[in-house]
PDB file of N, CA and C in Angstrom:
ATOM      1  N   MET A   1      14.784   0.857  11.508  1.00  0.00           N
ATOM      2  CA  MET A   1      14.319   2.435  10.895  1.00  0.00           C
ATOM      3  C   MET A   1      12.705   1.591  10.220  1.00  0.00           C
ATOM      4  N   GLY A   2      12.391   3.307  10.464  1.00  0.00           N
ATOM      5  CA  GLY A   2      10.933   2.912  10.167  1.00  0.00           C
ATOM      6  C   GLY A   2      10.314   3.768   9.161  1.00  0.00           C
ATOM      7  N   ALA A   3      11.516   3.949   8.065  1.00  0.00           N
ATOM      8  CA  ALA A   3      11.197   4.654   6.601  1.00  0.00           C
ATOM      9  C   ALA A   3      10.168   3.350   6.169  1.00  0.00           C
ATOM     10  N   ALA A   4      10.433   2.101   5.678  1.00  0.00           N
ATOM     11  CA  ALA A   4       9.671   0.967   5.012  1.00  0.00           C
ATOM     12  C   ALA A   4       8.266   0.402   5.903  1.00  0.00           C
ATOM     13  N   ASN A   5       7.427   0.438   4.950  1.00  0.00           N
ATOM     14  CA  ASN A   5       6.045   0.242   5.748  1.00  0.00           C
ATOM     15  C   ASN A   5       5.574  -0.980   4.992  1.00  0.00           C
ATOM     16  N   ILE A   6       4.800  -1.420   5.137  1.00  0.00           N
ATOM     17  CA  ILE A   6       3.713  -2.557   4.680  1.00  0.00           C
ATOM     18  C   ILE A   6       2.309  -1.529   4.329  1.00  0.00           C
ATOM     19  N   SER A   7       3.003  -1.367   3.299  1.00  0.00           N
ATOM     20  CA  SER A   7       1.587  -0.208   2.291  1.00  0.00           C
ATOM     21  C   SER A   7       1.821   0.139   1.293  1.00  0.00           C
ATOM     22  N   THR A   8       0.712  -0.582   1.043  1.00  0.00           N
ATOM     23  CA  THR A   8       0.766   0.062  -0.877  1.00  0.00           C
ATOM     24  C   THR A   8       0.643   1.012  -1.111  1.00  0.00           C
ATOM     25  N   GLU A   9       0.365   1.882  -0.670  1.00  0.00           N
ATOM     26  CA  GLU A   9       0.047   3.190  -1.133  1.00  0.00           C
ATOM     27  C   GLU A   9       1.138   4.171  -0.181  1.00  0.00           C
ATOM     28  N   GLN A  10       1.712   3.769   0.072  1.00  0.00           N
ATOM     29  CA  GLN A  10       2.780   4.669   0.918  1.00  0.00           C
ATOM     30  C   GLN A  10       3.564   3.673   1.118  1.00  0.00           C
ATOM     31  N   PRO A  11       4.552   3.038   1.338  1.00  0.00           N
ATOM     32  CA  PRO A  11       5.786   2.221   1.125  1.00  0.00           C
ATOM     33  C   PRO A  11       6.756   2.712   1.750  1.00  0.00           C
ATOM     34  N   PHE A  12       7.236   3.902   1.549  1.00  0.00           N
ATOM     35  CA  PHE A  12       8.262   4.563   1.940  1.00  0.00           C
ATOM     36  C   PHE A  12       8.542   5.965   2.575  1.00  0.00           C
ATOM     37  N   SER A  13       9.059   6.111   3.546  1.00  0.00           N
ATOM     38  CA  SER A  13       8.552   7.788   3.845  1.00  0.00           C
ATOM     39  C   SER A  13      10.107   7.376   4.218  1.00  0.00           C
ATOM     40  N   PRO A  14      10.670   8.724   3.585  1.00  0.00           N
ATOM     41  CA  PRO A  14      12.028   9.213   3.714  1.00  0.00           C
ATOM     42  C   PRO A  14      12.556  10.058   4.767  1.00  0.00           C
ATOM     43  N   GLY A  15      11.697  10.329   5.286  1.00  0.00           N
ATOM     44  CA  GLY A  15      11.751  11.615   6.510  1.00  0.00           C
ATOM     45  C   GLY A  15      11.804  10.679   7.663  1.00  0.00           C
ATOM     46  N   MET A  16      12.014   9.329   7.636  1.00  0.00           N
ATOM     47  CA  MET A  16      11.966   8.528   8.534  1.00  0.00           C
ATOM     48  C   MET A  16      13.623   8.133   8.474  1.00  0.00           C
ATOM     49  N   ILE A  17      14.496   8.583   7.880  1.00  0.00           N
ATOM     50  CA  ILE A  17      15.583   8.245   7.226  1.00  0.00           C
ATOM     51  C   ILE A  17      17.188   8.130   8.689  1.00  0.00           C
ATOM     52  N   GLY A  18      17.290   7.908   9.294  1.00  0.00           N
ATOM     53  CA  GLY A  18      18.142   7.582  10.450  1.00  0.00           C
ATOM     54  C   GLY A  18      19.328   8.656   9.813  1.00  0.00           C
ATOM     55  N   ALA A  19      20.607   9.336  10.793  1.00  0.00           N
ATOM     56  CA  ALA A  19      21.198  10.413  10.405  1.00  0.00           C
ATOM     57  C   ALA A  19      22.299   9.865   9.978  1.00  0.00           C
ATOM     58  N   SER A  20      22.206   9.089   9.089  1.00  0.00           N
ATOM     59  CA  SER A  20      23.846   8.549   8.133  1.00  0.00           C
ATOM     60  C   SER A  20      23.624   9.237   6.638  1.00  0.00           C
ATOM     61  N   ASP A  21      25.164   9.367   6.809  1.00  0.00           N
ATOM     62  CA  ASP A  21      25.305  10.359   5.580  1.00  0.00           C
ATOM     63  C   ASP A  21      25.140   9.321   4.307  1.00  0.00           C
ATOM     64  N   SER A  22      24.774   8.379   4.057  1.00  0.00           N
ATOM     65  CA  SER A  22      24.829   7.417   3.102  1.00  0.00           C
ATOM     66  C   SER A  22      24.719   6.319   3.253  1.00  0.00           C
ATOM     67  N   ALA A  23      23.740   5.547   2.368  1.00  0.00           N
ATOM     68  CA  ALA A  23      23.049   4.440   2.627  1.00  0.00           C
ATOM     69  C   ALA A  23      22.168   3.896   1.427  1.00  0.00           C
ATOM     70  N   TRP A  24      22.459   2.415   1.462  1.00  0.00           N
ATOM     71  CA  TRP A  24      21.466   1.628   1.098  1.00  0.00           C
ATOM     72  C   TRP A  24      20.474   0.812   1.094  1.00  0.00           C
ATOM     73  N   LEU A  25      19.387   0.120   1.080  1.00  0.00           N
ATOM     74  CA  LEU A  25      19.237  -1.484   1.768  1.00  0.00           C
ATOM     75  C   LEU A  25      17.801  -1.933   1.043  1.00  0.00           C
ATOM     76  N   ILE A  26      17.191  -2.687   0.879  1.00  0.00           N
ATOM     77  CA  ILE A  26      16.449  -3.552   0.376  1.00  0.00           C
ATOM     78  C   ILE A  26      15.647  -3.967   1.034  1.00  0.00           C
ATOM     79  N   PHE A  27      14.304  -3.873   1.837  1.00  0.00           N
ATOM     80  CA  PHE A  27      12.809  -4.231   2.225  1.00  0.00           C
ATOM     81  C   PHE A  27      12.128  -5.112   1.675  1.00  0.00           C
ATOM     82  N   THR A  28      11.184  -5.465   2.568  1.00  0.00           N
ATOM     83  CA  THR A  28      10.123  -6.215   1.862  1.00  0.00           C
ATOM     84  C   THR A  28       9.692  -6.575   3.146  1.00  0.00           C
ATOM     85  N   GLY A  29       7.956  -6.876   3.169  1.00  0.00           N
ATOM     86  CA  GLY A  29       7.145  -7.119   3.957  1.00  0.00           C
ATOM     87  C   GLY A  29       5.776  -7.941   3.203  1.00  0.00           C
ATOM     88  N   ILE A  30       5.021  -8.627   4.292  1.00  0.00           N
ATOM     89  CA  ILE A  30       3.976  -9.234   4.163  1.00  0.00           C
ATOM     90  C   ILE A  30       2.859  -8.895   5.180  1.00  0.00           C
ATOM     91  N   GLU A  31       1.956  -8.996   5.059  1.00  0.00           N
ATOM     92  CA  GLU A  31       0.664  -8.466   5.840  1.00  0.00           C
ATOM     93  C   GLU A  31      -0.448  -9.490   5.976  1.00  0.00           C
ATOM     94  N   ALA A  32      -1.188  -9.648   6.658  1.00  0.00           N
ATOM     95  CA  ALA A  32      -2.416 -10.378   6.773  1.00  0.00           C
ATOM     96  C   ALA A  32      -2.688  -9.695   7.683  1.00  0.00           C
ATOM     97  N   ARG A  33      -4.371  -9.875   6.889  1.00  0.00           N
ATOM     98  CA  ARG A  33      -5.473  -9.131   7.579  1.00  0.00           C
ATOM     99  C   ARG A  33      -6.990  -9.825   7.415  1.00  0.00           C
ATOM    100  N   TYR A  34      -7.340  -9.229   8.959  1.00  0.00           N
ATOM    101  CA  TYR A  34      -9.075  -9.933   8.623  1.00  0.00           C
ATOM    102  C   TYR A  34     -10.084  -8.806   9.085  1.00  0.00           C
ATOM    103  N   ARG A  35     -10.922  -8.071   8.214  1.00  0.00           N
ATOM    104  CA  ARG A  35     -11.425  -7.332   7.908  1.00  0.00           C
ATOM    105  C   ARG A  35     -13.133  -7.919   8.383  1.00  0.00           C
ATOM    106  N   PHE A  36     -13.398  -7.737   9.733  1.00  0.00           N
ATOM    107  CA  PHE A  36     -14.789  -7.914  10.014  1.00  0.00           C
ATOM    108  C   PHE A  36     -15.690  -7.188   9.533  1.00  0.00           C
ATOM    109  N   ASN A  37     -16.108  -5.920   9.015  1.00  0.00           N
ATOM    110  CA  ASN A  37     -16.823  -4.643   8.560  1.00  0.00           C
ATOM    111  C   ASN A  37     -16.397  -3.859   8.240  1.00  0.00           C
ATOM    112  N   ASP A  38     -16.495  -3.136   6.840  1.00  0.00           N
ATOM    113  CA  ASP A  38     -16.449  -1.527   6.450  1.00  0.00           C
ATOM    114  C   ASP A  38     -17.531  -1.237   5.726  1.00  0.00           C
ATOM    115  N   MET A  39     -17.898  -0.227   6.392  1.00  0.00           N
ATOM    116  CA  MET A  39     -19.125   0.275   5.857  1.00  0.00           C
ATOM    117  C   MET A  39     -19.034   0.934   4.488  1.00  0.00           C
ATOM    118  N   THR A  40     -17.739   1.594   4.188  1.00  0.00           N
ATOM    119  CA  THR A  40     -17.596   2.367   2.834  1.00  0.00           C
ATOM    120  C   THR A  40     -18.163   0.891   1.612  1.00  0.00           C
ATOM    121  N   ILE A  41     -17.567  -0.153   2.170  1.00  0.00           N
ATOM    122  CA  ILE A  41     -17.925  -1.226   0.877  1.00  0.00           C
ATOM    123  C   ILE A  41     -19.352  -1.943   1.038  1.00  0.00           C
ATOM    124  N   GLU A  42     -19.583  -1.891   2.020  1.00  0.00           N
ATOM    125  CA  GLU A  42     -21.123  -3.097   2.443  1.00  0.00           C
ATOM    126  C   GLU A  42     -22.159  -1.835   3.354  1.00  0.00           C
ATOM    127  N   GLY A  43     -21.923  -0.751   3.260  1.00  0.00           N
ATOM    128  CA  GLY A  43     -22.898   0.414   4.497  1.00  0.00           C
ATOM    129  C   GLY A  43     -23.883   0.935   2.644  1.00  0.00           C
ATOM    130  N   GLU A  44     -24.557   1.484   3.169  1.00  0.00           N
ATOM    131  CA  GLU A  44     -26.188   1.831   2.606  1.00  0.00           C
ATOM    132  C   GLU A  44     -25.117   2.923   1.729  1.00  0.00           C
ATOM    133  N   ARG A  45     -25.550   3.218   0.256  1.00  0.00           N
ATOM    134  CA  ARG A  45     -25.094   3.897  -0.710  1.00  0.00           C
ATOM    135  C   ARG A  45     -26.648   5.019  -0.811  1.00  0.00           C
ATOM    136  N   ALA A  46     -26.171   6.391  -1.048  1.00  0.00           N
ATOM    137  CA  ALA A  46     -26.976   7.329  -0.993  1.00  0.00           C
ATOM    138  C   ALA A  46     -27.161   7.379  -2.940  1.00  0.00           C
ATOM    139  N   ASN A  47     -28.632   7.952  -3.328  1.00  0.00           N
ATOM    140  CA  ASN A  47     -28.911   8.313  -4.713  1.00  0.00           C
ATOM    141  C   ASN A  47     -28.858   6.943  -6.022  1.00  0.00           C
ATOM    142  N   ILE A  48     -29.271   5.864  -5.269  1.00  0.00           N
ATOM    143  CA  ILE A  48     -29.060   4.408  -5.951  1.00  0.00           C
ATOM    144  C   ILE A  48     -30.298   4.332  -6.224  1.00  0.00           C
ATOM    145  N   THR A  49     -30.893   3.860  -7.201  1.00  0.00           N
ATOM    146  CA  THR A  49     -32.172   3.601  -7.976  1.00  0.00           C
ATOM    147  C   THR A  49     -32.595   2.266  -7.236  1.00  0.00           C
ATOM    148  N   SER A  50     -32.032   1.230  -6.862  1.00  0.00           N
ATOM    149  CA  SER A  50     -32.543   0.332  -6.783  1.00  0.00           C
ATOM    150  C   SER A  50     -31.490  -0.457  -5.789  1.00  0.00           C
ATOM    151  N   PRO A  51     -31.832  -0.893  -4.775  1.00  0.00           N
ATOM    152  CA  PRO A  51     -30.786  -1.856  -3.669  1.00  0.00           C
ATOM    153  C   PRO A  51     -29.800  -2.872  -4.228  1.00  0.00           C
ATOM    154  N   ASN A  52     -30.234  -3.518  -5.662  1.00  0.00           N
ATOM    155  CA  ASN A  52     -29.711  -4.271  -6.056  1.00  0.00           C
ATOM    156  C   ASN A  52     -28.851  -4.006  -7.216  1.00  0.00           C
ATOM    157  N   ASP A  53     -28.535  -2.656  -7.501  1.00  0.00           N
ATOM    158  CA  ASP A  53     -27.928  -2.143  -8.612  1.00  0.00           C
ATOM    159  C   ASP A  53     -26.183  -2.255  -8.142  1.00  0.00           C
ATOM    160  N   TYR A  54     -25.970  -2.210  -6.922  1.00  0.00           N
ATOM    161  CA  TYR A  54     -24.152  -2.256  -6.454  1.00  0.00           C
ATOM    162  C   TYR A  54     -24.049  -3.347  -5.415  1.00  0.00           C
ATOM    163  N   GLN A  55     -24.844  -4.532  -5.713  1.00  0.00           N
ATOM    164  CA  GLN A  55     -24.490  -4.952  -4.162  1.00  0.00           C
ATOM    165  C   GLN A  55     -22.642  -5.778  -4.430  1.00  0.00           C
ATOM    166  N   LEU A  56     -22.323  -5.511  -2.990  1.00  0.00           N
ATOM    167  CA  LEU A  56     -20.521  -5.463  -2.769  1.00  0.00           C
ATOM    168  C   LEU A  56     -20.742  -6.748  -1.872  1.00  0.00           C
ATOM    169  N   THR A  57     -19.841  -7.393  -1.489  1.00  0.00           N
ATOM    170  CA  THR A  57     -19.686  -8.488  -0.357  1.00  0.00           C
ATOM    171  C   THR A  57     -18.431  -8.637   0.012  1.00  0.00           C
ATOM    172  N   LEU A  58     -17.779  -7.667   1.338  1.00  0.00           N
ATOM    173  CA  LEU A  58     -16.642  -7.825   1.678  1.00  0.00           C
ATOM    174  C   LEU A  58     -15.828  -9.082   1.575  1.00  0.00           C
ATOM    175  N   GLU A  59     -14.061  -9.015   0.765  1.00  0.00           N
ATOM    176  CA  GLU A  59     -13.968 -10.079   0.963  1.00  0.00           C
ATOM    177  C   GLU A  59     -12.864 -10.071   2.652  1.00  0.00           C
ATOM    178  N   HIS A  60     -13.629 -10.951   3.381  1.00  0.00           N
ATOM    179  CA  HIS A  60     -12.582 -10.010   4.865  1.00  0.00           C
ATOM    180  C   HIS A  60     -11.163 -11.171   5.172  1.00  0.00           C
ATOM    181  N   TRP A  61     -10.497 -12.091   4.347  1.00  0.00           N
ATOM    182  CA  TRP A  61      -9.635 -12.482   4.353  1.00  0.00           C
ATOM    183  C   TRP A  61      -8.642 -11.498   3.668  1.00  0.00           C
ATOM    184  N   GLN A  62      -7.611 -10.561   3.734  1.00  0.00           N
ATOM    185  CA  GLN A  62      -6.749 -10.027   2.545  1.00  0.00           C
ATOM    186  C   GLN A  62      -5.560  -9.857   3.147  1.00  0.00           C
ATOM    187  N   SER A  63      -4.702  -9.561   2.152  1.00  0.00           N
ATOM    188  CA  SER A  63      -3.136  -9.355   2.456  1.00  0.00           C
ATOM    189  C   SER A  63      -2.523  -8.553   1.133  1.00  0.00           C
ATOM    190  N   SER A  64      -1.244  -7.944   1.623  1.00  0.00           N
ATOM    191  CA  SER A  64      -0.596  -6.951   0.728  1.00  0.00           C
ATOM    192  C   SER A  64       1.248  -7.362   1.346  1.00  0.00           C
ATOM    193  N   ALA A  65       1.793  -7.193   0.129  1.00  0.00           N
ATOM    194  CA  ALA A  65       3.355  -7.125  -0.159  1.00  0.00           C
ATOM    195  C   ALA A  65       4.160  -6.231  -0.238  1.00  0.00           C
ATOM    196  N   VAL A  66       5.035  -5.777   0.141  1.00  0.00           N
ATOM    197  CA  VAL A  66       5.935  -5.109  -0.911  1.00  0.00           C
ATOM    198  C   VAL A  66       7.708  -5.507  -1.063  1.00  0.00           C
ATOM    199  N   PHE A  67       7.787  -4.846  -2.083  1.00  0.00           N
ATOM    200  CA  PHE A  67       9.344  -5.304  -1.985  1.00  0.00           C
ATOM    201  C   PHE A  67      10.012  -4.046  -2.368  1.00  0.00           C
ATOM    202  N   GLY A  68      11.303  -3.646  -1.806  1.00  0.00           N
ATOM    203  CA  GLY A  68      11.420  -2.262  -2.517  1.00  0.00           C
ATOM    204  C   GLY A  68      13.211  -1.884  -2.364  1.00  0.00           C
ATOM    205  N   ALA A  69      13.556  -1.568  -2.767  1.00  0.00           N
ATOM    206  CA  ALA A  69      15.125  -0.593  -2.607  1.00  0.00           C
ATOM    207  C   ALA A  69      15.160   0.682  -2.821  1.00  0.00           C
ATOM    208  N   VAL A  70      16.380   1.228  -1.633  1.00  0.00           N
ATOM    209  CA  VAL A  70      16.003   2.348  -1.338  1.00  0.00           C
ATOM    210  C   VAL A  70      18.143   2.638  -1.418  1.00  0.00           C
ATOM    211  N   TRP A  71      18.213   4.208  -1.868  1.00  0.00           N
ATOM    212  CA  TRP A  71      19.296   4.667  -1.777  1.00  0.00           C
ATOM    213  C   TRP A  71      20.022   6.101  -1.584  1.00  0.00           C
ATOM    214  N   TYR A  72      20.323   5.987  -1.210  1.00  0.00           N
ATOM    215  CA  TYR A  72      20.457   8.213  -0.704  1.00  0.00           C
ATOM    216  C   TYR A  72      21.677   8.257   0.237  1.00  0.00           C
ATOM    217  N   ASN A  73      22.245   9.521  -0.187  1.00  0.00           N
ATOM    218  CA  ASN A  73      23.309  10.309   0.716  1.00  0.00           C
ATOM    219  C   ASN A  73      22.577  11.000   1.255  1.00  0.00           C
ATOM    220  N   LYS A  74      23.693  12.390   2.261  1.00  0.00           N
ATOM    221  CA  LYS A  74      23.431  13.123   2.532  1.00  0.00           C
ATOM    222  C   LYS A  74      22.522  14.388   1.870  1.00  0.00           C
ATOM    223  N   HIS A  75      22.280  14.659   0.598  1.00  0.00           N
ATOM    224  CA  HIS A  75      21.780  15.228  -0.555  1.00  0.00           C
ATOM    225  C   HIS A  75      20.341  14.797  -0.986  1.00  0.00           C
ATOM    226  N   ALA A  76      20.290  13.883  -1.233  1.00  0.00           N
ATOM    227  CA  ALA A  76      19.254  13.096  -2.116  1.00  0.00           C
ATOM    228  C   ALA A  76      19.675  11.653  -1.620  1.00  0.00           C
ATOM    229  N   GLY A  77      18.201  10.799  -2.577  1.00  0.00           N
ATOM    230  CA  GLY A  77      18.173   9.839  -2.842  1.00  0.00           C
ATOM    231  C   GLY A  77      16.987   9.524  -3.263  1.00  0.00           C
ATOM    232  N   LEU A  78      16.500   8.363  -3.599  1.00  0.00           N
ATOM    233  CA  LEU A  78      15.401   7.656  -4.513  1.00  0.00           C
ATOM    234  C   LEU A  78      15.700   6.452  -4.014  1.00  0.00           C
ATOM    235  N   SER A  79      14.048   5.617  -4.452  1.00  0.00           N
ATOM    236  CA  SER A  79      13.969   4.429  -4.105  1.00  0.00           C
ATOM    237  C   SER A  79      12.471   3.992  -4.764  1.00  0.00           C
ATOM    238  N   ILE A  80      12.303   2.490  -5.531  1.00  0.00           N
ATOM    239  CA  ILE A  80      11.938   1.765  -5.986  1.00  0.00           C
ATOM    240  C   ILE A  80      10.844   1.068  -5.371  1.00  0.00           C
ATOM    241  N   THR A  81      10.053   0.635  -5.346  1.00  0.00           N
ATOM    242  CA  THR A  81       8.879  -0.187  -4.730  1.00  0.00           C
ATOM    243  C   THR A  81       8.273  -1.182  -5.720  1.00  0.00           C
ATOM    244  N   LEU A  82       8.163  -2.185  -5.180  1.00  0.00           N
ATOM    245  CA  LEU A  82       6.941  -3.039  -6.025  1.00  0.00           C
ATOM    246  C   LEU A  82       5.710  -3.936  -4.921  1.00  0.00           C
ATOM    247  N   ALA A  83       4.331  -3.355  -4.763  1.00  0.00           N
ATOM    248  CA  ALA A  83       3.342  -3.676  -4.184  1.00  0.00           C
ATOM    249  C   ALA A  83       2.128  -3.848  -4.716  1.00  0.00           C
ATOM    250  N   ALA A  84       1.666  -5.143  -4.228  1.00  0.00           N
ATOM    251  CA  ALA A  84       0.736  -6.170  -4.565  1.00  0.00           C
ATOM    252  C   ALA A  84      -0.453  -6.227  -2.890  1.00  0.00           C
ATOM    253  N   LYS A  85      -1.548  -6.567  -3.418  1.00  0.00           N
ATOM    254  CA  LYS A  85      -2.521  -6.632  -2.691  1.00  0.00           C
ATOM    255  C   LYS A  85      -3.787  -7.514  -3.245  1.00  0.00           C
ATOM    256  N   THR A  86      -4.591  -7.645  -2.531  1.00  0.00           N
ATOM    257  CA  THR A  86      -5.680  -8.523  -2.479  1.00  0.00           C
ATOM    258  C   THR A  86      -6.797  -7.820  -2.577  1.00  0.00           C
ATOM    259  N   PRO A  87      -7.956  -7.838  -3.396  1.00  0.00           N
ATOM    260  CA  PRO A  87      -8.980  -7.112  -3.328  1.00  0.00           C
ATOM    261  C   PRO A  87      -9.846  -7.004  -2.045  1.00  0.00           C
ATOM    262  N   ASP A  88     -10.848  -5.981  -1.828  1.00  0.00           N
ATOM    263  CA  ASP A  88     -11.602  -5.427  -0.750  1.00  0.00           C
ATOM    264  C   ASP A  88     -13.101  -6.104  -0.525  1.00  0.00           C
ATOM    265  N   TYR A  89     -13.235  -6.579  -2.064  1.00  0.00           N
ATOM    266  CA  TYR A  89     -14.385  -6.939  -1.994  1.00  0.00           C
ATOM    267  C   TYR A  89     -14.282  -8.883  -3.208  1.00  0.00           C
ATOM    268  N   GLU A  90     -15.813  -9.170  -2.649  1.00  0.00           N
ATOM    269  CA  GLU A  90     -15.639 -10.642  -3.544  1.00  0.00           C
ATOM    270  C   GLU A  90     -15.745 -10.541  -5.058  1.00  0.00           C
ATOM    271  N   GLU A  91     -16.584  -9.164  -5.807  1.00  0.00           N
ATOM    272  CA  GLU A  91     -16.788  -9.290  -6.552  1.00  0.00           C
ATOM    273  C   GLU A  91     -16.019  -8.413  -7.674  1.00  0.00           C
ATOM    274  N   ALA A  92     -14.717  -8.435  -6.951  1.00  0.00           N
ATOM    275  CA  ALA A  92     -13.601  -7.497  -7.839  1.00  0.00           C
ATOM    276  C   ALA A  92     -13.057  -8.182  -8.675  1.00  0.00           C
ATOM    277  N   GLN A  93     -12.624  -7.310  -9.996  1.00  0.00           N
ATOM    278  CA  GLN A  93     -12.190  -8.120 -11.331  1.00  0.00           C
ATOM    279  C   GLN A  93     -11.341  -8.842 -11.698  1.00  0.00           C
ATOM    280  N   SER A  94     -10.496  -8.602 -10.248  1.00  0.00           N
ATOM    281  CA  SER A  94      -9.260  -9.320 -10.662  1.00  0.00           C
ATOM    282  C   SER A  94      -8.869  -9.660  -9.623  1.00  0.00           C
ATOM    283  N   THR A  95      -7.996 -10.878  -9.095  1.00  0.00           N
ATOM    284  CA  THR A  95      -7.207 -11.658  -7.746  1.00  0.00           C
ATOM    285  C   THR A  95      -6.601 -10.575  -7.293  1.00  0.00           C
ATOM    286  N   LEU A  96      -5.487  -9.894  -7.689  1.00  0.00           N
ATOM    287  CA  LEU A  96      -4.589  -9.318  -7.719  1.00  0.00           C
ATOM    288  C   LEU A  96      -4.007  -7.846  -7.777  1.00  0.00           C
ATOM    289  N   TYR A  97      -3.734  -6.913  -7.421  1.00  0.00           N
ATOM    290  CA  TYR A  97      -3.741  -5.663  -7.730  1.00  0.00           C
ATOM    291  C   TYR A  97      -1.920  -5.218  -7.532  1.00  0.00           C
ATOM    292  N   GLY A  98      -1.788  -4.167  -7.799  1.00  0.00           N
ATOM    293  CA  GLY A  98      -0.160  -3.947  -7.744  1.00  0.00           C
ATOM    294  C   GLY A  98       0.119  -2.867  -8.698  1.00  0.00           C
ATOM    295  N   ASN A  99       1.393  -2.485  -7.950  1.00  0.00           N
ATOM    296  CA  ASN A  99       1.431  -0.536  -8.545  1.00  0.00           C
ATOM    297  C   ASN A  99       3.196  -1.013  -8.430  1.00  0.00           C
ATOM    298  N   VAL A 100       3.817   0.183  -8.837  1.00  0.00           N
ATOM    299  CA  VAL A 100       4.981   0.238  -9.013  1.00  0.00           C
ATOM    300  C   VAL A 100       5.644   1.616  -8.350  1.00  0.00           C
ATOM    301  N   ALA A 101       6.470   2.149  -7.784  1.00  0.00           N
ATOM    302  CA  ALA A 101       6.373   3.484  -6.828  1.00  0.00           C
ATOM    303  C   ALA A 101       7.945   4.081  -6.594  1.00  0.00           C
ATOM    304  N   LEU A 102       8.099   5.225  -7.785  1.00  0.00           N
ATOM    305  CA  LEU A 102       9.696   5.298  -7.968  1.00  0.00           C
ATOM    306  C   LEU A 102       9.259   6.842  -6.954  1.00  0.00           C
ATOM    307  N   SER A 103      10.487   6.699  -5.646  1.00  0.00           N
ATOM    308  CA  SER A 103      10.736   8.479  -5.169  1.00  0.00           C
ATOM    309  C   SER A 103      11.488   8.888  -5.519  1.00  0.00           C
ATOM    310  N   LEU A 104      11.706   9.758  -5.485  1.00  0.00           N
ATOM    311  CA  LEU A 104      12.927  10.771  -5.424  1.00  0.00           C
ATOM    312  C   LEU A 104      12.882  11.947  -4.806  1.00  0.00           C
ATOM    313  N   PHE A 105      14.066  12.191  -4.032  1.00  0.00           N
ATOM    314  CA  PHE A 105      14.079  12.852  -2.156  1.00  0.00           C
ATOM    315  C   PHE A 105      15.309  13.643  -2.703  1.00  0.00           C
ATOM    316  N   ALA A 106      15.222  15.048  -1.518  1.00  0.00           N
ATOM    317  CA  ALA A 106      16.199  15.558  -1.375  1.00  0.00           C
ATOM    318  C   ALA A 106      16.325  16.365  -0.049  1.00  0.00           C
ATOM    319  N   PHE A 107      17.010  15.966   0.757  1.00  0.00           N
ATOM    320  CA  PHE A 107      17.295  16.423   2.004  1.00  0.00           C
ATOM    321  C   PHE A 107      18.073  18.023   1.976  1.00  0.00           C
ATOM    322  N   LEU A 108      17.550  19.136   2.766  1.00  0.00           N
ATOM    323  CA  LEU A 108      17.961  20.265   2.769  1.00  0.00           C
ATOM    324  C   LEU A 108      17.965  20.720   4.091  1.00  0.00           C
TER     325      LEU A 108
END
């Protein structure tokens, strides 16, 4: 089943549900990664008055986790997902970020 992803931005994609008439499921996933470089964090920034104004250091070791549940029938469905991730840079204000996503969807 390709509907569940280890992604904090879009953890569930109802378009990937199989041809079954109805079902429910629980999904979870953990992802660990090493980022070598990210120019959006460490690259040059335009219109900065001093190079020391916005110094950020990339957090190389990062991880994400998702946990969710889905119910659907042949007409509609819903999913709820809890997602958490570690920060992208060392100077971040929190050591963990999270969100809850509720999705309602219909099949036409």
